[in-house]
Amino acid sequence: MPEQSRPRLAIGIGVGLVVLGAVLALAFADVETPVIGLRQAGVVLIVIGAIDIVAVLAARKR
């Protein structure tokens, strides 16, 4: 894979996680599974996606 596409792919994955997390957090706020609520899972995905985006952008500045 070319070097330039890796940061784009990583940012794309981070954005995808944020979007998926927002959908889970907003659309399925009242759905509870035996382990965790989908709203909580959505918030976790939003945080992980945001951390991924920040890490990729920080690595690009080096």
N, C-alpha and C. Protein backbone atom coordinates (compact mmCIF):
# COMPACT_ATOMS: atom_id res chain seq x y z
N MET A 1 0.84 -1.17 0.00
CA MET A 1 0.00 0.00 0.00
C MET A 1 0.89 1.24 0.00
N PRO A 2 0.61 2.22 -0.83
CA PRO A 2 1.43 3.43 -0.85
C PRO A 2 1.34 4.19 0.48
N GLU A 3 2.41 4.88 0.80
CA GLU A 3 2.49 5.59 2.07
C GLU A 3 1.39 6.65 2.22
N GLN A 4 1.01 7.34 1.15
CA GLN A 4 0.02 8.40 1.26
C GLN A 4 -1.37 7.87 1.55
N SER A 5 -1.68 6.67 1.14
CA SER A 5 -3.03 6.15 1.35
C SER A 5 -3.24 5.65 2.78
N ARG A 6 -2.20 5.32 3.49
CA ARG A 6 -2.37 4.82 4.85
C ARG A 6 -2.99 5.85 5.79
N PRO A 7 -2.50 7.10 5.81
CA PRO A 7 -3.17 8.08 6.68
C PRO A 7 -4.62 8.33 6.26
N ARG A 8 -4.87 8.33 4.96
CA ARG A 8 -6.26 8.53 4.49
C ARG A 8 -7.14 7.38 4.95
N LEU A 9 -6.62 6.18 4.86
CA LEU A 9 -7.38 5.01 5.30
C LEU A 9 -7.64 5.08 6.80
N ALA A 10 -6.64 5.43 7.56
CA ALA A 10 -6.79 5.51 9.02
C ALA A 10 -7.77 6.62 9.41
N ILE A 11 -7.71 7.76 8.73
CA ILE A 11 -8.65 8.83 9.01
C ILE A 11 -10.06 8.40 8.61
N GLY A 12 -10.17 7.69 7.49
CA GLY A 12 -11.47 7.19 7.06
C GLY A 12 -12.07 6.21 8.05
N ILE A 13 -11.24 5.35 8.60
CA ILE A 13 -11.72 4.42 9.62
C ILE A 13 -12.16 5.18 10.87
N GLY A 14 -11.38 6.17 11.26
CA GLY A 14 -11.75 6.98 12.43
C GLY A 14 -13.07 7.70 12.23
N VAL A 15 -13.26 8.28 11.05
CA VAL A 15 -14.52 8.97 10.74
C VAL A 15 -15.67 7.96 10.73
N GLY A 16 -15.42 6.79 10.16
CA GLY A 16 -16.46 5.75 10.16
C GLY A 16 -16.86 5.34 11.57
N LEU A 17 -15.90 5.21 12.45
CA LEU A 17 -16.20 4.86 13.83
C LEU A 17 -17.02 5.95 14.52
N VAL A 18 -16.65 7.21 14.25
CA VAL A 18 -17.40 8.32 14.85
C VAL A 18 -18.83 8.33 14.34
N VAL A 19 -19.02 8.15 13.04
CA VAL A 19 -20.37 8.15 12.46
C VAL A 19 -21.19 6.97 13.01
N LEU A 20 -20.59 5.78 13.01
CA LEU A 20 -21.29 4.60 13.53
C LEU A 20 -21.64 4.79 15.00
N GLY A 21 -20.72 5.35 15.76
CA GLY A 21 -20.99 5.61 17.17
C GLY A 21 -22.11 6.61 17.37
N ALA A 22 -22.15 7.65 16.52
CA ALA A 22 -23.22 8.64 16.62
C ALA A 22 -24.57 8.01 16.30
N VAL A 23 -24.61 7.14 15.30
CA VAL A 23 -25.86 6.46 14.95
C VAL A 23 -26.32 5.59 16.12
N LEU A 24 -25.41 4.83 16.68
CA LEU A 24 -25.77 3.98 17.82
C LEU A 24 -26.24 4.80 19.01
N ALA A 25 -25.52 5.89 19.29
CA ALA A 25 -25.84 6.70 20.46
C ALA A 25 -27.17 7.43 20.30
N LEU A 26 -27.47 7.87 19.09
CA LEU A 26 -28.68 8.67 18.90
C LEU A 26 -29.90 7.84 18.51
N ALA A 27 -29.73 6.89 17.62
CA ALA A 27 -30.88 6.14 17.11
C ALA A 27 -31.31 5.02 18.04
N PHE A 28 -30.36 4.44 18.78
CA PHE A 28 -30.67 3.31 19.64
C PHE A 28 -30.42 3.65 21.11
N ALA A 29 -30.79 4.84 21.52
CA ALA A 29 -30.49 5.30 22.87
C ALA A 29 -31.18 4.46 23.94
N ASP A 30 -32.35 3.92 23.65
CA ASP A 30 -33.10 3.19 24.67
C ASP A 30 -32.95 1.68 24.58
N VAL A 31 -32.12 1.20 23.66
CA VAL A 31 -31.96 -0.25 23.49
C VAL A 31 -30.88 -0.76 24.44
N GLU A 32 -31.25 -1.74 25.24
CA GLU A 32 -30.32 -2.34 26.18
C GLU A 32 -30.08 -3.80 25.79
N THR A 33 -28.83 -4.20 25.74
CA THR A 33 -28.48 -5.60 25.53
C THR A 33 -28.13 -6.19 26.90
N PRO A 34 -27.95 -7.49 27.01
CA PRO A 34 -27.61 -8.06 28.32
C PRO A 34 -26.28 -7.54 28.90
N VAL A 35 -25.41 -7.03 28.05
CA VAL A 35 -24.09 -6.61 28.52
C VAL A 35 -23.97 -5.10 28.64
N ILE A 36 -24.38 -4.37 27.60
CA ILE A 36 -24.19 -2.92 27.56
C ILE A 36 -25.30 -2.30 26.71
N GLY A 37 -25.64 -1.07 27.02
CA GLY A 37 -26.61 -0.35 26.20
C GLY A 37 -25.96 0.12 24.91
N LEU A 38 -26.75 0.21 23.85
CA LEU A 38 -26.19 0.64 22.57
C LEU A 38 -25.77 2.10 22.60
N ARG A 39 -26.40 2.90 23.46
CA ARG A 39 -25.96 4.30 23.59
C ARG A 39 -24.54 4.35 24.15
N GLN A 40 -24.26 3.54 25.15
CA GLN A 40 -22.92 3.51 25.74
C GLN A 40 -21.90 2.98 24.73
N ALA A 41 -22.29 1.96 23.97
CA ALA A 41 -21.38 1.44 22.95
C ALA A 41 -21.10 2.50 21.89
N GLY A 42 -22.12 3.28 21.54
CA GLY A 42 -21.93 4.36 20.58
C GLY A 42 -20.96 5.41 21.07
N VAL A 43 -21.08 5.77 22.34
CA VAL A 43 -20.17 6.76 22.91
C VAL A 43 -18.74 6.24 22.91
N VAL A 44 -18.57 4.97 23.22
CA VAL A 44 -17.23 4.36 23.20
C VAL A 44 -16.65 4.41 21.79
N LEU A 45 -17.45 4.09 20.78
CA LEU A 45 -16.97 4.14 19.40
C LEU A 45 -16.62 5.56 18.97
N ILE A 46 -17.39 6.54 19.41
CA ILE A 46 -17.08 7.93 19.10
C ILE A 46 -15.72 8.30 19.68
N VAL A 47 -15.48 7.93 20.92
CA VAL A 47 -14.21 8.26 21.57
C VAL A 47 -13.04 7.56 20.87
N ILE A 48 -13.20 6.28 20.55
CA ILE A 48 -12.13 5.54 19.88
C ILE A 48 -11.85 6.14 18.50
N GLY A 49 -12.90 6.49 17.76
CA GLY A 49 -12.71 7.10 16.46
C GLY A 49 -12.00 8.44 16.55
N ALA A 50 -12.38 9.24 17.53
CA ALA A 50 -11.73 10.55 17.70
C ALA A 50 -10.26 10.39 18.08
N ILE A 51 -9.96 9.43 18.94
CA ILE A 51 -8.57 9.18 19.31
C ILE A 51 -7.77 8.73 18.10
N ASP A 52 -8.36 7.90 17.25
CA ASP A 52 -7.69 7.43 16.03
C ASP A 52 -7.38 8.61 15.11
N ILE A 53 -8.33 9.48 14.91
CA ILE A 53 -8.12 10.65 14.04
C ILE A 53 -7.02 11.54 14.60
N VAL A 54 -7.07 11.82 15.89
CA VAL A 54 -6.05 12.68 16.51
C VAL A 54 -4.67 12.05 16.41
N ALA A 55 -4.58 10.74 16.63
CA ALA A 55 -3.28 10.05 16.55
C ALA A 55 -2.71 10.11 15.14
N VAL A 56 -3.55 9.92 14.14
CA VAL A 56 -3.07 9.97 12.76
C VAL A 56 -2.61 11.38 12.40
N LEU A 57 -3.38 12.37 12.79
CA LEU A 57 -3.00 13.75 12.48
C LEU A 57 -1.72 14.16 13.22
N ALA A 58 -1.56 13.68 14.45
CA ALA A 58 -0.34 13.98 15.19
C ALA A 58 0.87 13.32 14.55
N ALA A 59 0.69 12.10 14.03
CA ALA A 59 1.80 11.40 13.39
C ALA A 59 2.18 12.05 12.07
N ARG A 60 1.21 12.65 11.39
CA ARG A 60 1.49 13.32 10.11
C ARG A 60 2.32 14.58 10.31
N LYS A 61 2.19 15.23 11.47
CA LYS A 61 2.93 16.47 11.73
C LYS A 61 4.40 16.21 11.98
N ARG A 62 4.77 14.99 12.29
CA ARG A 62 6.18 14.68 12.59
C ARG A 62 6.99 14.64 11.34
